[in-house]
Amino acid sequence: MNPKPLQYLTGHSDISLTFHVYTHLNFDNAEEELKRMEEFRKAQAEAEKKNDAKAVLQKMFKVV
């Protein structure tokens, strides 16, 4: 993940804090997060097709 969006998502005011906290992750951790993000995108796309807000919330909580 690009560090700047990660900084924004975590609410860090300084990018060095983001790097300090997240540099200990290894490839397996990164791969797992990418899979979770893909599942979230699939759930979001499916919900948008149905245009059903309740479905979006239910699927989002399953992913997280």
PDB file of N, CA and C in Angstrom:
ATOM      1  N   MET A   1       0.851  -1.178   0.000  1.00  0.00           N
ATOM      2  CA  MET A   1       0.000   0.000   0.000  1.00  0.00           C
ATOM      3  C   MET A   1       0.890   1.232   0.000  1.00  0.00           C
ATOM      4  N   ASN A   2       0.460   2.219  -0.739  1.00  0.00           N
ATOM      5  CA  ASN A   2       1.154   3.487  -0.772  1.00  0.00           C
ATOM      6  C   ASN A   2       1.161   4.081   0.644  1.00  0.00           C
ATOM      7  N   PRO A   3       2.299   4.566   1.136  1.00  0.00           N
ATOM      8  CA  PRO A   3       2.387   5.069   2.507  1.00  0.00           C
ATOM      9  C   PRO A   3       1.488   6.274   2.813  1.00  0.00           C
ATOM     10  N   LYS A   4       1.300   7.155   1.862  1.00  0.00           N
ATOM     11  CA  LYS A   4       0.480   8.343   2.138  1.00  0.00           C
ATOM     12  C   LYS A   4      -0.985   7.998   2.411  1.00  0.00           C
ATOM     13  N   PRO A   5      -1.625   7.142   1.601  1.00  0.00           N
ATOM     14  CA  PRO A   5      -2.988   6.746   1.957  1.00  0.00           C
ATOM     15  C   PRO A   5      -3.036   6.006   3.290  1.00  0.00           C
ATOM     16  N   LEU A   6      -2.004   5.193   3.568  1.00  0.00           N
ATOM     17  CA  LEU A   6      -1.962   4.499   4.854  1.00  0.00           C
ATOM     18  C   LEU A   6      -1.864   5.505   5.990  1.00  0.00           C
ATOM     19  N   GLN A   7      -1.064   6.536   5.805  1.00  0.00           N
ATOM     20  CA  GLN A   7      -0.950   7.598   6.807  1.00  0.00           C
ATOM     21  C   GLN A   7      -2.311   8.243   7.048  1.00  0.00           C
ATOM     22  N   TYR A   8      -3.006   8.534   5.971  1.00  0.00           N
ATOM     23  CA  TYR A   8      -4.326   9.153   6.072  1.00  0.00           C
ATOM     24  C   TYR A   8      -5.311   8.232   6.794  1.00  0.00           C
ATOM     25  N   LEU A   9      -5.327   6.971   6.387  1.00  0.00           N
ATOM     26  CA  LEU A   9      -6.277   6.014   6.967  1.00  0.00           C
ATOM     27  C   LEU A   9      -6.023   5.766   8.449  1.00  0.00           C
ATOM     28  N   THR A  10      -4.768   5.809   8.857  1.00  0.00           N
ATOM     29  CA  THR A  10      -4.443   5.572  10.266  1.00  0.00           C
ATOM     30  C   THR A  10      -4.536   6.840  11.101  1.00  0.00           C
ATOM     31  N   GLY A  11      -4.614   7.986  10.443  1.00  0.00           N
ATOM     32  CA  GLY A  11      -4.736   9.250  11.167  1.00  0.00           C
ATOM     33  C   GLY A  11      -3.421   9.779  11.712  1.00  0.00           C
ATOM     34  N   HIS A  12      -2.312   9.286  11.189  1.00  0.00           N
ATOM     35  CA  HIS A  12      -1.006   9.765  11.648  1.00  0.00           C
ATOM     36  C   HIS A  12      -0.716  11.137  11.045  1.00  0.00           C
ATOM     37  N   SER A  13      -0.280  12.053  11.886  1.00  0.00           N
ATOM     38  CA  SER A  13       0.042  13.394  11.386  1.00  0.00           C
ATOM     39  C   SER A  13       1.420  13.428  10.728  1.00  0.00           C
ATOM     40  N   ASP A  14       2.264  12.477  11.050  1.00  0.00           N
ATOM     41  CA  ASP A  14       3.623  12.440  10.532  1.00  0.00           C
ATOM     42  C   ASP A  14       3.866  11.097   9.842  1.00  0.00           C
ATOM     43  N   ILE A  15       4.356  11.118   8.613  1.00  0.00           N
ATOM     44  CA  ILE A  15       4.596   9.891   7.862  1.00  0.00           C
ATOM     45  C   ILE A  15       5.633   9.014   8.538  1.00  0.00           C
ATOM     46  N   SER A  16       6.552   9.604   9.290  1.00  0.00           N
ATOM     47  CA  SER A  16       7.576   8.799   9.966  1.00  0.00           C
ATOM     48  C   SER A  16       6.941   7.876  11.007  1.00  0.00           C
ATOM     49  N   LEU A  17       5.864   8.309  11.624  1.00  0.00           N
ATOM     50  CA  LEU A  17       5.148   7.447  12.571  1.00  0.00           C
ATOM     51  C   LEU A  17       4.541   6.260  11.839  1.00  0.00           C
ATOM     52  N   THR A  18       3.957   6.509  10.688  1.00  0.00           N
ATOM     53  CA  THR A  18       3.373   5.435   9.884  1.00  0.00           C
ATOM     54  C   THR A  18       4.446   4.418   9.515  1.00  0.00           C
ATOM     55  N   PHE A  19       5.596   4.894   9.048  1.00  0.00           N
ATOM     56  CA  PHE A  19       6.682   3.990   8.690  1.00  0.00           C
ATOM     57  C   PHE A  19       7.199   3.230   9.908  1.00  0.00           C
ATOM     58  N   HIS A  20       7.309   3.909  11.019  1.00  0.00           N
ATOM     59  CA  HIS A  20       7.817   3.270  12.243  1.00  0.00           C
ATOM     60  C   HIS A  20       6.892   2.149  12.701  1.00  0.00           C
ATOM     61  N   VAL A  21       5.602   2.376  12.639  1.00  0.00           N
ATOM     62  CA  VAL A  21       4.639   1.395  13.117  1.00  0.00           C
ATOM     63  C   VAL A  21       4.496   0.222  12.160  1.00  0.00           C
ATOM     64  N   TYR A  22       4.504   0.468  10.864  1.00  0.00           N
ATOM     65  CA  TYR A  22       4.162  -0.566   9.898  1.00  0.00           C
ATOM     66  C   TYR A  22       5.337  -1.207   9.173  1.00  0.00           C
ATOM     67  N   THR A  23       6.562  -0.872   9.519  1.00  0.00           N
ATOM     68  CA  THR A  23       7.697  -1.467   8.823  1.00  0.00           C
ATOM     69  C   THR A  23       8.046  -2.851   9.331  1.00  0.00           C
ATOM     70  N   HIS A  24       7.473  -3.281  10.432  1.00  0.00           N
ATOM     71  CA  HIS A  24       7.783  -4.603  10.974  1.00  0.00           C
ATOM     72  C   HIS A  24       6.978  -5.719  10.295  1.00  0.00           C
ATOM     73  N   LEU A  25       6.057  -5.361   9.427  1.00  0.00           N
ATOM     74  CA  LEU A  25       5.235  -6.360   8.755  1.00  0.00           C
ATOM     75  C   LEU A  25       6.052  -7.129   7.727  1.00  0.00           C
ATOM     76  N   ASN A  26       5.699  -8.394   7.552  1.00  0.00           N
ATOM     77  CA  ASN A  26       6.400  -9.192   6.556  1.00  0.00           C
ATOM     78  C   ASN A  26       5.481  -9.461   5.363  1.00  0.00           C
ATOM     79  N   PHE A  27       5.991 -10.228   4.402  1.00  0.00           N
ATOM     80  CA  PHE A  27       5.236 -10.492   3.183  1.00  0.00           C
ATOM     81  C   PHE A  27       3.907 -11.173   3.474  1.00  0.00           C
ATOM     82  N   ASP A  28       3.892 -12.140   4.384  1.00  0.00           N
ATOM     83  CA  ASP A  28       2.645 -12.851   4.707  1.00  0.00           C
ATOM     84  C   ASP A  28       1.587 -11.905   5.249  1.00  0.00           C
ATOM     85  N   ASN A  29       1.999 -10.962   6.103  1.00  0.00           N
ATOM     86  CA  ASN A  29       1.058  -9.978   6.626  1.00  0.00           C
ATOM     87  C   ASN A  29       0.502  -9.114   5.504  1.00  0.00           C
ATOM     88  N   ALA A  30       1.364  -8.685   4.607  1.00  0.00           N
ATOM     89  CA  ALA A  30       0.934  -7.838   3.502  1.00  0.00           C
ATOM     90  C   ALA A  30      -0.004  -8.599   2.574  1.00  0.00           C
ATOM     91  N   GLU A  31       0.314  -9.859   2.303  1.00  0.00           N
ATOM     92  CA  GLU A  31      -0.526 -10.673   1.429  1.00  0.00           C
ATOM     93  C   GLU A  31      -1.917 -10.859   2.047  1.00  0.00           C
ATOM     94  N   GLU A  32      -1.969 -11.090   3.341  1.00  0.00           N
ATOM     95  CA  GLU A  32      -3.249 -11.252   4.040  1.00  0.00           C
ATOM     96  C   GLU A  32      -4.088  -9.973   3.948  1.00  0.00           C
ATOM     97  N   GLU A  33      -3.464  -8.832   4.125  1.00  0.00           N
ATOM     98  CA  GLU A  33      -4.191  -7.563   4.045  1.00  0.00           C
ATOM     99  C   GLU A  33      -4.700  -7.309   2.635  1.00  0.00           C
ATOM    100  N   LEU A  34      -3.907  -7.646   1.642  1.00  0.00           N
ATOM    101  CA  LEU A  34      -4.351  -7.468   0.257  1.00  0.00           C
ATOM    102  C   LEU A  34      -5.566  -8.354  -0.039  1.00  0.00           C
ATOM    103  N   LYS A  35      -5.579  -9.557   0.483  1.00  0.00           N
ATOM    104  CA  LYS A  35      -6.732 -10.436   0.307  1.00  0.00           C
ATOM    105  C   LYS A  35      -7.967  -9.846   0.971  1.00  0.00           C
ATOM    106  N   ARG A  36      -7.795  -9.290   2.163  1.00  0.00           N
ATOM    107  CA  ARG A  36      -8.923  -8.664   2.854  1.00  0.00           C
ATOM    108  C   ARG A  36      -9.451  -7.468   2.078  1.00  0.00           C
ATOM    109  N   MET A  37      -8.545  -6.689   1.504  1.00  0.00           N
ATOM    110  CA  MET A  37      -8.963  -5.533   0.721  1.00  0.00           C
ATOM    111  C   MET A  37      -9.731  -5.976  -0.518  1.00  0.00           C
ATOM    112  N   GLU A  38      -9.283  -7.054  -1.151  1.00  0.00           N
ATOM    113  CA  GLU A  38      -9.963  -7.564  -2.333  1.00  0.00           C
ATOM    114  C   GLU A  38     -11.364  -8.052  -1.969  1.00  0.00           C
ATOM    115  N   GLU A  39     -11.505  -8.737  -0.848  1.00  0.00           N
ATOM    116  CA  GLU A  39     -12.821  -9.194  -0.401  1.00  0.00           C
ATOM    117  C   GLU A  39     -13.738  -8.004  -0.130  1.00  0.00           C
ATOM    118  N   PHE A  40     -13.185  -6.959   0.450  1.00  0.00           N
ATOM    119  CA  PHE A  40     -13.971  -5.752   0.710  1.00  0.00           C
ATOM    120  C   PHE A  40     -14.442  -5.140  -0.601  1.00  0.00           C
ATOM    121  N   ARG A  41     -13.547  -5.056  -1.583  1.00  0.00           N
ATOM    122  CA  ARG A  41     -13.921  -4.485  -2.891  1.00  0.00           C
ATOM    123  C   ARG A  41     -15.005  -5.306  -3.570  1.00  0.00           C
ATOM    124  N   LYS A  42     -14.897  -6.635  -3.478  1.00  0.00           N
ATOM    125  CA  LYS A  42     -15.920  -7.499  -4.064  1.00  0.00           C
ATOM    126  C   LYS A  42     -17.269  -7.278  -3.387  1.00  0.00           C
ATOM    127  N   ALA A  43     -17.267  -7.213  -2.072  1.00  0.00           N
ATOM    128  CA  ALA A  43     -18.503  -6.995  -1.329  1.00  0.00           C
ATOM    129  C   ALA A  43     -19.103  -5.637  -1.661  1.00  0.00           C
ATOM    130  N   GLN A  44     -18.256  -4.642  -1.780  1.00  0.00           N
ATOM    131  CA  GLN A  44     -18.712  -3.294  -2.108  1.00  0.00           C
ATOM    132  C   GLN A  44     -19.323  -3.256  -3.503  1.00  0.00           C
ATOM    133  N   ALA A  45     -18.669  -3.890  -4.467  1.00  0.00           N
ATOM    134  CA  ALA A  45     -19.178  -3.915  -5.844  1.00  0.00           C
ATOM    135  C   ALA A  45     -20.503  -4.661  -5.916  1.00  0.00           C
ATOM    136  N   GLU A  46     -20.606  -5.772  -5.205  1.00  0.00           N
ATOM    137  CA  GLU A  46     -21.850  -6.543  -5.189  1.00  0.00           C
ATOM    138  C   GLU A  46     -22.986  -5.723  -4.587  1.00  0.00           C
ATOM    139  N   ALA A  47     -22.692  -5.024  -3.516  1.00  0.00           N
ATOM    140  CA  ALA A  47     -23.712  -4.208  -2.864  1.00  0.00           C
ATOM    141  C   ALA A  47     -24.134  -3.043  -3.749  1.00  0.00           C
ATOM    142  N   GLU A  48     -23.183  -2.468  -4.463  1.00  0.00           N
ATOM    143  CA  GLU A  48     -23.518  -1.359  -5.352  1.00  0.00           C
ATOM    144  C   GLU A  48     -24.423  -1.827  -6.485  1.00  0.00           C
ATOM    145  N   LYS A  49     -24.206  -3.039  -6.950  1.00  0.00           N
ATOM    146  CA  LYS A  49     -25.078  -3.595  -7.989  1.00  0.00           C
ATOM    147  C   LYS A  49     -26.505  -3.714  -7.471  1.00  0.00           C
ATOM    148  N   LYS A  50     -26.613  -4.146  -6.236  1.00  0.00           N
ATOM    149  CA  LYS A  50     -27.930  -4.322  -5.635  1.00  0.00           C
ATOM    150  C   LYS A  50     -28.495  -2.994  -5.116  1.00  0.00           C
ATOM    151  N   ASN A  51     -27.575  -2.023  -4.910  1.00  0.00           N
ATOM    152  CA  ASN A  51     -27.960  -0.725  -4.370  1.00  0.00           C
ATOM    153  C   ASN A  51     -28.694  -0.884  -3.039  1.00  0.00           C
ATOM    154  N   ASP A  52     -28.138  -1.736  -2.192  1.00  0.00           N
ATOM    155  CA  ASP A  52     -28.760  -2.075  -0.918  1.00  0.00           C
ATOM    156  C   ASP A  52     -27.794  -1.712   0.211  1.00  0.00           C
ATOM    157  N   ALA A  53     -28.073  -0.650   0.938  1.00  0.00           N
ATOM    158  CA  ALA A  53     -27.186  -0.165   1.999  1.00  0.00           C
ATOM    159  C   ALA A  53     -26.995  -1.198   3.103  1.00  0.00           C
ATOM    160  N   LYS A  54     -28.034  -1.935   3.440  1.00  0.00           N
ATOM    161  CA  LYS A  54     -27.929  -2.935   4.499  1.00  0.00           C
ATOM    162  C   LYS A  54     -26.937  -4.023   4.108  1.00  0.00           C
ATOM    163  N   ALA A  55     -26.968  -4.446   2.875  1.00  0.00           N
ATOM    164  CA  ALA A  55     -26.029  -5.464   2.403  1.00  0.00           C
ATOM    165  C   ALA A  55     -24.598  -4.965   2.483  1.00  0.00           C
ATOM    166  N   VAL A  56     -24.384  -3.706   2.189  1.00  0.00           N
ATOM    167  CA  VAL A  56     -23.037  -3.137   2.254  1.00  0.00           C
ATOM    168  C   VAL A  56     -22.519  -3.258   3.678  1.00  0.00           C
ATOM    169  N   LEU A  57     -23.292  -2.862   4.637  1.00  0.00           N
ATOM    170  CA  LEU A  57     -22.862  -2.904   6.027  1.00  0.00           C
ATOM    171  C   LEU A  57     -22.580  -4.328   6.478  1.00  0.00           C
ATOM    172  N   GLN A  58     -23.459  -5.264   6.162  1.00  0.00           N
ATOM    173  CA  GLN A  58     -23.263  -6.650   6.571  1.00  0.00           C
ATOM    174  C   GLN A  58     -22.000  -7.236   5.981  1.00  0.00           C
ATOM    175  N   LYS A  59     -21.758  -7.014   4.713  1.00  0.00           N
ATOM    176  CA  LYS A  59     -20.584  -7.571   4.067  1.00  0.00           C
ATOM    177  C   LYS A  59     -19.305  -6.878   4.538  1.00  0.00           C
ATOM    178  N   MET A  60     -19.373  -5.593   4.824  1.00  0.00           N
ATOM    179  CA  MET A  60     -18.202  -4.880   5.313  1.00  0.00           C
ATOM    180  C   MET A  60     -17.779  -5.444   6.660  1.00  0.00           C
ATOM    181  N   PHE A  61     -18.719  -5.740   7.533  1.00  0.00           N
ATOM    182  CA  PHE A  61     -18.361  -6.262   8.839  1.00  0.00           C
ATOM    183  C   PHE A  61     -17.814  -7.691   8.743  1.00  0.00           C
ATOM    184  N   LYS A  62     -18.251  -8.455   7.759  1.00  0.00           N
ATOM    185  CA  LYS A  62     -17.697  -9.788   7.575  1.00  0.00           C
ATOM    186  C   LYS A  62     -16.232  -9.700   7.175  1.00  0.00           C
ATOM    187  N   VAL A  63     -15.895  -8.741   6.344  1.00  0.00           N
ATOM    188  CA  VAL A  63     -14.520  -8.593   5.872  1.00  0.00           C
ATOM    189  C   VAL A  63     -13.613  -8.124   6.985  1.00  0.00           C
ATOM    190  N   VAL A  64     -14.060  -7.139   7.735  1.00  0.00           N
ATOM    191  CA  VAL A  64     -13.232  -6.574   8.804  1.00  0.00           C
ATOM    192  C   VAL A  64     -13.141  -7.582   9.900  1.00  0.00           C
TER     193      VAL A  64
END
